[in-house]
Amino acid sequence: MKDPDFIPLEGFIDYSEPEMRERSSTFLNNIKRRRTVRDFSSEPIPNEVIQNCILAAGSAPSGANMQPWHFVAVKSSEIKQQIREGAEIEEREFYTRRASEEWLDALSHLGTDEHKPFLETAPWLIVVFAQKHTVDPDGSKRKHYYMSESVGIACGMLITALHNAGLATLTHTPSPMKFLNEILDRPVHEKPYMIIVAGKPAEGVCVPNISKKSLDEISTIL
């Protein structure tokens, strides 16, 4: 077992109470503007923007600092087409055979179906893989702890970073997603976790008329 190696904390800013209130309020108002969209503009987005957002996601906390994730950012039209074709095969099965009536009823107000044109239209698809373990150069394996929780946190930070950069997003999880390993040439110990579609919204796009739960409904302060 290795001895802990600690360094002084750098970068932390000790804001005053008024500054904390202002910053928390400003962030809340900004993040409340985030909406999931399903119609995207094909306007290109610079590589640097996506790379910065992925680096922000990569700064997420993780179990034992194992960082059990890999992000594949796809802008190739050919690869996006392959992903759409693979996803729509699974989605047709879902909507016609796999999903229960209760599940389909829960989705009905969102207007979703097996057709996923956004997988080709949007300038970027970020496919997030969760790594079950690390494979060291000598071939040995090191287990990752709290993999799902860690990757979920990173995905949330990625969505927030993309929103902060001025991009709209959509989380897409066709099931199963093993076809993504083949298309993107990822190893078998990586599990496709989520596709995050990113870009600017299409002109005149509409979103479902839904609301979020109130503070009283989602929290308890003791």
C-alpha atoms as a PDB file:
ATOM      1  CA  MET A   1       0.000   0.000   0.000  1.00  0.00           C
ATOM      2  CA  LYS A   2       1.338   3.415  -1.024  1.00  0.00           C
ATOM      3  CA  ASP A   3       1.758   6.225   1.468  1.00  0.00           C
ATOM      4  CA  PRO A   4      -0.537   9.216   0.839  1.00  0.00           C
ATOM      5  CA  ASP A   5       1.011  12.084  -1.091  1.00  0.00           C
ATOM      6  CA  PHE A   6      -0.571  15.449  -0.305  1.00  0.00           C
ATOM      7  CA  ILE A   7       0.087  18.951  -1.650  1.00  0.00           C
ATOM      8  CA  PRO A   8      -1.292  22.326  -0.522  1.00  0.00           C
ATOM      9  CA  LEU A   9      -4.763  23.231  -1.835  1.00  0.00           C
ATOM     10  CA  GLU A  10      -4.532  25.833  -4.584  1.00  0.00           C
ATOM     11  CA  GLY A  11      -7.196  27.731  -6.466  1.00  0.00           C
ATOM     12  CA  PHE A  12      -9.872  27.797  -3.773  1.00  0.00           C
ATOM     13  CA  ILE A  13     -11.517  31.232  -3.505  1.00  0.00           C
ATOM     14  CA  ASP A  14     -13.011  32.201  -0.153  1.00  0.00           C
ATOM     15  CA  TYR A  15     -15.991  34.313  -1.228  1.00  0.00           C
ATOM     16  CA  SER A  16     -17.802  36.539   1.227  1.00  0.00           C
ATOM     17  CA  GLU A  17     -21.382  35.671   2.127  1.00  0.00           C
ATOM     18  CA  PRO A  18     -22.854  38.342  -0.212  1.00  0.00           C
ATOM     19  CA  GLU A  19     -20.632  37.076  -3.039  1.00  0.00           C
ATOM     20  CA  MET A  20     -21.734  33.482  -2.389  1.00  0.00           C
ATOM     21  CA  ARG A  21     -25.385  34.512  -2.520  1.00  0.00           C
ATOM     22  CA  GLU A  22     -24.874  36.450  -5.735  1.00  0.00           C
ATOM     23  CA  ARG A  23     -22.862  33.730  -7.434  1.00  0.00           C
ATOM     24  CA  SER A  24     -25.304  30.969  -6.445  1.00  0.00           C
ATOM     25  CA  SER A  25     -28.230  33.047  -7.708  1.00  0.00           C
ATOM     26  CA  THR A  26     -26.477  33.886 -10.983  1.00  0.00           C
ATOM     27  CA  PHE A  27     -25.615  30.246 -11.581  1.00  0.00           C
ATOM     28  CA  LEU A  28     -29.161  29.135 -10.774  1.00  0.00           C
ATOM     29  CA  ASN A  29     -30.631  31.583 -13.262  1.00  0.00           C
ATOM     30  CA  ASN A  30     -28.139  30.445 -15.903  1.00  0.00           C
ATOM     31  CA  ILE A  31     -28.648  26.709 -15.436  1.00  0.00           C
ATOM     32  CA  LYS A  32     -32.446  27.107 -15.357  1.00  0.00           C
ATOM     33  CA  ARG A  33     -32.204  28.203 -18.999  1.00  0.00           C
ATOM     34  CA  ARG A  34     -30.880  24.765 -19.908  1.00  0.00           C
ATOM     35  CA  ARG A  35     -33.394  22.730 -21.871  1.00  0.00           C
ATOM     36  CA  THR A  36     -33.107  19.422 -23.644  1.00  0.00           C
ATOM     37  CA  VAL A  37     -33.719  19.851 -27.375  1.00  0.00           C
ATOM     38  CA  ARG A  38     -34.218  17.304 -30.149  1.00  0.00           C
ATOM     39  CA  ASP A  39     -33.783  19.571 -33.162  1.00  0.00           C
ATOM     40  CA  PHE A  40     -30.285  20.849 -33.772  1.00  0.00           C
ATOM     41  CA  SER A  41     -28.615  23.250 -36.154  1.00  0.00           C
ATOM     42  CA  SER A  42     -25.797  21.770 -38.220  1.00  0.00           C
ATOM     43  CA  GLU A  43     -23.673  24.870 -37.553  1.00  0.00           C
ATOM     44  CA  PRO A  44     -20.100  23.738 -36.802  1.00  0.00           C
ATOM     45  CA  ILE A  45     -18.744  24.105 -33.278  1.00  0.00           C
ATOM     46  CA  PRO A  46     -14.951  24.444 -32.798  1.00  0.00           C
ATOM     47  CA  ASN A  47     -13.020  21.423 -31.548  1.00  0.00           C
ATOM     48  CA  GLU A  48     -11.530  23.527 -28.746  1.00  0.00           C
ATOM     49  CA  VAL A  49     -14.961  24.182 -27.218  1.00  0.00           C
ATOM     50  CA  ILE A  50     -15.750  20.466 -27.033  1.00  0.00           C
ATOM     51  CA  GLN A  51     -12.274  19.608 -25.757  1.00  0.00           C
ATOM     52  CA  ASN A  52     -12.532  22.199 -22.979  1.00  0.00           C
ATOM     53  CA  CYS A  53     -15.922  20.824 -21.939  1.00  0.00           C
ATOM     54  CA  ILE A  54     -14.554  17.270 -21.866  1.00  0.00           C
ATOM     55  CA  LEU A  55     -11.628  18.421 -19.723  1.00  0.00           C
ATOM     56  CA  ALA A  56     -14.150  20.041 -17.367  1.00  0.00           C
ATOM     57  CA  ALA A  57     -16.009  16.722 -17.152  1.00  0.00           C
ATOM     58  CA  GLY A  58     -12.715  14.931 -16.572  1.00  0.00           C
ATOM     59  CA  SER A  59     -12.170  17.029 -13.448  1.00  0.00           C
ATOM     60  CA  ALA A  60     -15.152  15.324 -11.780  1.00  0.00           C
ATOM     61  CA  PRO A  61     -14.659  13.448  -8.510  1.00  0.00           C
ATOM     62  CA  SER A  62     -14.482   9.664  -8.802  1.00  0.00           C
ATOM     63  CA  GLY A  63     -14.149   6.636  -6.555  1.00  0.00           C
ATOM     64  CA  ALA A  64     -10.492   6.320  -5.465  1.00  0.00           C
ATOM     65  CA  ASN A  65      -9.703   8.870  -8.219  1.00  0.00           C
ATOM     66  CA  MET A  66      -9.863   6.042 -10.778  1.00  0.00           C
ATOM     67  CA  GLN A  67     -11.520   8.357 -13.362  1.00  0.00           C
ATOM     68  CA  PRO A  68     -13.405   5.447 -14.961  1.00  0.00           C
ATOM     69  CA  TRP A  69     -14.503   7.201 -18.136  1.00  0.00           C
ATOM     70  CA  HIS A  70     -13.611   7.730 -21.754  1.00  0.00           C
ATOM     71  CA  PHE A  71     -15.206  10.349 -24.000  1.00  0.00           C
ATOM     72  CA  VAL A  72     -15.369   9.838 -27.760  1.00  0.00           C
ATOM     73  CA  ALA A  73     -16.243  13.115 -29.511  1.00  0.00           C
ATOM     74  CA  VAL A  74     -17.652  12.456 -32.966  1.00  0.00           C
ATOM     75  CA  LYS A  75     -18.041  15.062 -35.697  1.00  0.00           C
ATOM     76  CA  SER A  76     -17.465  12.732 -38.683  1.00  0.00           C
ATOM     77  CA  SER A  77     -20.626  12.612 -40.811  1.00  0.00           C
ATOM     78  CA  GLU A  78     -19.913   9.006 -41.749  1.00  0.00           C
ATOM     79  CA  ILE A  79     -19.555   7.849 -38.158  1.00  0.00           C
ATOM     80  CA  LYS A  80     -22.604   9.835 -37.034  1.00  0.00           C
ATOM     81  CA  GLN A  81     -24.623   8.083 -39.733  1.00  0.00           C
ATOM     82  CA  GLN A  82     -23.438   4.684 -38.485  1.00  0.00           C
ATOM     83  CA  ILE A  83     -24.377   5.616 -34.928  1.00  0.00           C
ATOM     84  CA  ARG A  84     -27.826   6.746 -36.035  1.00  0.00           C
ATOM     85  CA  GLU A  85     -28.415   3.521 -37.963  1.00  0.00           C
ATOM     86  CA  GLY A  86     -27.342   1.404 -34.977  1.00  0.00           C
ATOM     87  CA  ALA A  87     -29.408   3.442 -32.520  1.00  0.00           C
ATOM     88  CA  GLU A  88     -32.555   3.348 -34.629  1.00  0.00           C
ATOM     89  CA  ILE A  89     -32.388  -0.442 -34.878  1.00  0.00           C
ATOM     90  CA  GLU A  90     -32.508  -0.649 -31.078  1.00  0.00           C
ATOM     91  CA  GLU A  91     -35.085   2.126 -30.800  1.00  0.00           C
ATOM     92  CA  ARG A  92     -37.473   0.385 -33.210  1.00  0.00           C
ATOM     93  CA  GLU A  93     -37.253  -2.709 -31.031  1.00  0.00           C
ATOM     94  CA  PHE A  94     -37.892  -0.597 -27.955  1.00  0.00           C
ATOM     95  CA  TYR A  95     -40.956   1.199 -29.272  1.00  0.00           C
ATOM     96  CA  THR A  96     -42.520  -1.832 -30.951  1.00  0.00           C
ATOM     97  CA  ARG A  97     -41.581  -4.718 -28.641  1.00  0.00           C
ATOM     98  CA  ARG A  98     -39.491  -4.030 -25.557  1.00  0.00           C
ATOM     99  CA  ALA A  99     -41.211  -1.096 -23.866  1.00  0.00           C
ATOM    100  CA  SER A 100     -44.260  -1.655 -21.678  1.00  0.00           C
ATOM    101  CA  GLU A 101     -47.422   0.379 -22.233  1.00  0.00           C
ATOM    102  CA  GLU A 102     -46.714   2.136 -18.942  1.00  0.00           C
ATOM    103  CA  TRP A 103     -43.267   3.185 -20.148  1.00  0.00           C
ATOM    104  CA  LEU A 104     -44.560   4.365 -23.520  1.00  0.00           C
ATOM    105  CA  ASP A 105     -47.306   6.320 -21.768  1.00  0.00           C
ATOM    106  CA  ALA A 106     -44.696   8.016 -19.556  1.00  0.00           C
ATOM    107  CA  LEU A 107     -42.809   9.099 -22.683  1.00  0.00           C
ATOM    108  CA  SER A 108     -45.837  10.179 -24.702  1.00  0.00           C
ATOM    109  CA  HIS A 109     -45.837  13.834 -23.561  1.00  0.00           C
ATOM    110  CA  LEU A 110     -42.289  14.221 -24.897  1.00  0.00           C
ATOM    111  CA  GLY A 111     -43.222  13.212 -28.447  1.00  0.00           C
ATOM    112  CA  THR A 112     -40.338  10.775 -28.866  1.00  0.00           C
ATOM    113  CA  ASP A 113     -40.247   7.850 -31.283  1.00  0.00           C
ATOM    114  CA  GLU A 114     -37.730   5.573 -32.985  1.00  0.00           C
ATOM    115  CA  HIS A 115     -36.552   8.232 -35.435  1.00  0.00           C
ATOM    116  CA  LYS A 116     -33.362   9.991 -34.300  1.00  0.00           C
ATOM    117  CA  PRO A 117     -32.308  12.491 -36.993  1.00  0.00           C
ATOM    118  CA  PHE A 118     -30.462  14.606 -34.411  1.00  0.00           C
ATOM    119  CA  LEU A 119     -27.745  11.935 -34.334  1.00  0.00           C
ATOM    120  CA  GLU A 120     -26.732  13.093 -37.811  1.00  0.00           C
ATOM    121  CA  THR A 121     -27.783  16.752 -37.758  1.00  0.00           C
ATOM    122  CA  ALA A 122     -26.001  17.906 -34.614  1.00  0.00           C
ATOM    123  CA  PRO A 123     -22.351  18.889 -35.113  1.00  0.00           C
ATOM    124  CA  TRP A 124     -21.125  16.752 -32.207  1.00  0.00           C
ATOM    125  CA  LEU A 125     -21.960  13.472 -30.530  1.00  0.00           C
ATOM    126  CA  ILE A 126     -20.043  12.793 -27.332  1.00  0.00           C
ATOM    127  CA  VAL A 127     -20.220   9.100 -26.511  1.00  0.00           C
ATOM    128  CA  VAL A 128     -19.389   8.430 -22.875  1.00  0.00           C
ATOM    129  CA  PHE A 129     -17.946   5.041 -21.941  1.00  0.00           C
ATOM    130  CA  ALA A 130     -17.725   3.708 -18.389  1.00  0.00           C
ATOM    131  CA  GLN A 131     -14.616   1.646 -17.706  1.00  0.00           C
ATOM    132  CA  LYS A 132     -15.083  -1.410 -15.481  1.00  0.00           C
ATOM    133  CA  HIS A 133     -11.364  -1.564 -14.820  1.00  0.00           C
ATOM    134  CA  THR A 134      -7.998  -0.217 -15.914  1.00  0.00           C
ATOM    135  CA  VAL A 135      -5.734  -2.390 -18.015  1.00  0.00           C
ATOM    136  CA  ASP A 136      -2.104  -1.676 -17.135  1.00  0.00           C
ATOM    137  CA  PRO A 137       0.711  -1.976 -19.701  1.00  0.00           C
ATOM    138  CA  ASP A 138       1.651  -5.386 -18.276  1.00  0.00           C
ATOM    139  CA  GLY A 139      -1.889  -6.642 -18.889  1.00  0.00           C
ATOM    140  CA  SER A 140      -2.943  -6.633 -15.230  1.00  0.00           C
ATOM    141  CA  LYS A 141      -6.327  -5.211 -14.271  1.00  0.00           C
ATOM    142  CA  ARG A 142      -7.270  -2.737 -11.547  1.00  0.00           C
ATOM    143  CA  LYS A 143     -10.911  -2.608 -10.544  1.00  0.00           C
ATOM    144  CA  HIS A 144     -12.758   0.708 -10.639  1.00  0.00           C
ATOM    145  CA  TYR A 145     -14.906   1.525  -7.632  1.00  0.00           C
ATOM    146  CA  TYR A 146     -18.209   3.418  -7.817  1.00  0.00           C
ATOM    147  CA  MET A 147     -17.947   3.379 -11.603  1.00  0.00           C
ATOM    148  CA  SER A 148     -21.562   4.236 -12.373  1.00  0.00           C
ATOM    149  CA  GLU A 149     -21.785   7.001  -9.777  1.00  0.00           C
ATOM    150  CA  SER A 150     -18.494   8.534 -10.937  1.00  0.00           C
ATOM    151  CA  VAL A 151     -19.423   8.523 -14.620  1.00  0.00           C
ATOM    152  CA  GLY A 152     -22.855   9.941 -13.816  1.00  0.00           C
ATOM    153  CA  ILE A 153     -21.247  12.889 -12.022  1.00  0.00           C
ATOM    154  CA  ALA A 154     -18.883  13.459 -14.978  1.00  0.00           C
ATOM    155  CA  CYS A 155     -21.817  13.428 -17.418  1.00  0.00           C
ATOM    156  CA  GLY A 156     -23.637  16.026 -15.337  1.00  0.00           C
ATOM    157  CA  MET A 157     -20.564  18.242 -15.338  1.00  0.00           C
ATOM    158  CA  LEU A 158     -20.168  17.762 -19.104  1.00  0.00           C
ATOM    159  CA  ILE A 159     -23.763  18.809 -19.767  1.00  0.00           C
ATOM    160  CA  THR A 160     -23.292  21.846 -17.515  1.00  0.00           C
ATOM    161  CA  ALA A 161     -20.031  22.793 -19.237  1.00  0.00           C
ATOM    162  CA  LEU A 162     -21.642  22.524 -22.675  1.00  0.00           C
ATOM    163  CA  HIS A 163     -24.550  24.696 -21.530  1.00  0.00           C
ATOM    164  CA  ASN A 164     -22.104  27.223 -20.090  1.00  0.00           C
ATOM    165  CA  ALA A 165     -20.374  27.350 -23.492  1.00  0.00           C
ATOM    166  CA  GLY A 166     -23.657  28.242 -25.191  1.00  0.00           C
ATOM    167  CA  LEU A 167     -24.619  24.818 -26.526  1.00  0.00           C
ATOM    168  CA  ALA A 168     -27.834  22.841 -26.272  1.00  0.00           C
ATOM    169  CA  THR A 169     -27.706  19.161 -25.372  1.00  0.00           C
ATOM    170  CA  LEU A 170     -29.687  15.947 -25.459  1.00  0.00           C
ATOM    171  CA  THR A 171     -28.950  12.769 -23.534  1.00  0.00           C
ATOM    172  CA  HIS A 172     -29.637   9.663 -25.587  1.00  0.00           C
ATOM    173  CA  THR A 173     -29.425   6.113 -24.273  1.00  0.00           C
ATOM    174  CA  PRO A 174     -30.537   3.485 -26.797  1.00  0.00           C
ATOM    175  CA  SER A 175     -30.549   0.047 -25.204  1.00  0.00           C
ATOM    176  CA  PRO A 176     -28.516  -2.026 -25.629  1.00  0.00           C
ATOM    177  CA  MET A 177     -25.605   0.128 -26.794  1.00  0.00           C
ATOM    178  CA  LYS A 178     -22.943  -2.468 -27.529  1.00  0.00           C
ATOM    179  CA  PHE A 179     -22.953  -1.415 -31.193  1.00  0.00           C
ATOM    180  CA  LEU A 180     -21.060   1.707 -30.102  1.00  0.00           C
ATOM    181  CA  ASN A 181     -18.008  -0.334 -29.053  1.00  0.00           C
ATOM    182  CA  GLU A 182     -17.736  -1.720 -32.569  1.00  0.00           C
ATOM    183  CA  ILE A 183     -18.362   1.538 -34.414  1.00  0.00           C
ATOM    184  CA  LEU A 184     -15.970   3.535 -32.216  1.00  0.00           C
ATOM    185  CA  ASP A 185     -13.411   0.741 -31.746  1.00  0.00           C
ATOM    186  CA  ARG A 186     -13.554   0.743 -27.957  1.00  0.00           C
ATOM    187  CA  PRO A 187     -12.379  -2.232 -25.842  1.00  0.00           C
ATOM    188  CA  VAL A 188     -14.801  -4.709 -24.297  1.00  0.00           C
ATOM    189  CA  HIS A 189     -14.108  -3.551 -20.720  1.00  0.00           C
ATOM    190  CA  GLU A 190     -15.675  -0.191 -21.594  1.00  0.00           C
ATOM    191  CA  LYS A 191     -19.461  -0.013 -21.333  1.00  0.00           C
ATOM    192  CA  PRO A 192     -21.341   2.589 -23.416  1.00  0.00           C
ATOM    193  CA  TYR A 193     -23.007   4.813 -20.841  1.00  0.00           C
ATOM    194  CA  MET A 194     -24.599   7.696 -22.711  1.00  0.00           C
ATOM    195  CA  ILE A 195     -24.623   9.657 -25.950  1.00  0.00           C
ATOM    196  CA  ILE A 196     -24.625  13.402 -25.356  1.00  0.00           C
ATOM    197  CA  VAL A 197     -25.755  15.286 -28.453  1.00  0.00           C
ATOM    198  CA  ALA A 198     -24.358  18.826 -28.557  1.00  0.00           C
ATOM    199  CA  GLY A 199     -24.768  21.853 -30.774  1.00  0.00           C
ATOM    200  CA  LYS A 200     -26.847  24.956 -31.268  1.00  0.00           C
ATOM    201  CA  PRO A 201     -30.618  24.488 -31.370  1.00  0.00           C
ATOM    202  CA  ALA A 202     -32.351  24.628 -34.727  1.00  0.00           C
ATOM    203  CA  GLU A 203     -34.032  27.923 -35.560  1.00  0.00           C
ATOM    204  CA  GLY A 204     -37.562  28.047 -34.181  1.00  0.00           C
ATOM    205  CA  VAL A 205     -37.133  24.865 -32.150  1.00  0.00           C
ATOM    206  CA  CYS A 206     -39.883  24.045 -29.637  1.00  0.00           C
ATOM    207  CA  VAL A 207     -39.529  22.107 -26.389  1.00  0.00           C
ATOM    208  CA  PRO A 208     -42.075  20.225 -24.244  1.00  0.00           C
ATOM    209  CA  ASN A 209     -44.186  22.367 -21.946  1.00  0.00           C
ATOM    210  CA  ILE A 210     -42.927  20.858 -18.697  1.00  0.00           C
ATOM    211  CA  SER A 211     -41.750  22.179 -15.357  1.00  0.00           C
ATOM    212  CA  LYS A 212     -39.333  21.156 -12.623  1.00  0.00           C
ATOM    213  CA  LYS A 213     -40.251  20.250  -9.066  1.00  0.00           C
ATOM    214  CA  SER A 214     -40.098  22.945  -6.396  1.00  0.00           C
ATOM    215  CA  LEU A 215     -37.429  23.169  -3.693  1.00  0.00           C
ATOM    216  CA  ASP A 216     -39.866  21.769  -1.123  1.00  0.00           C
ATOM    217  CA  GLU A 217     -40.521  18.751  -3.328  1.00  0.00           C
ATOM    218  CA  ILE A 218     -36.876  17.865  -3.916  1.00  0.00           C
ATOM    219  CA  SER A 219     -35.189  18.790  -0.651  1.00  0.00           C
ATOM    220  CA  THR A 220     -35.373  18.679   3.111  1.00  0.00           C
ATOM    221  CA  ILE A 221     -33.404  21.136   5.218  1.00  0.00           C
ATOM    222  CA  LEU A 222     -32.977  20.038   8.833  1.00  0.00           C
END
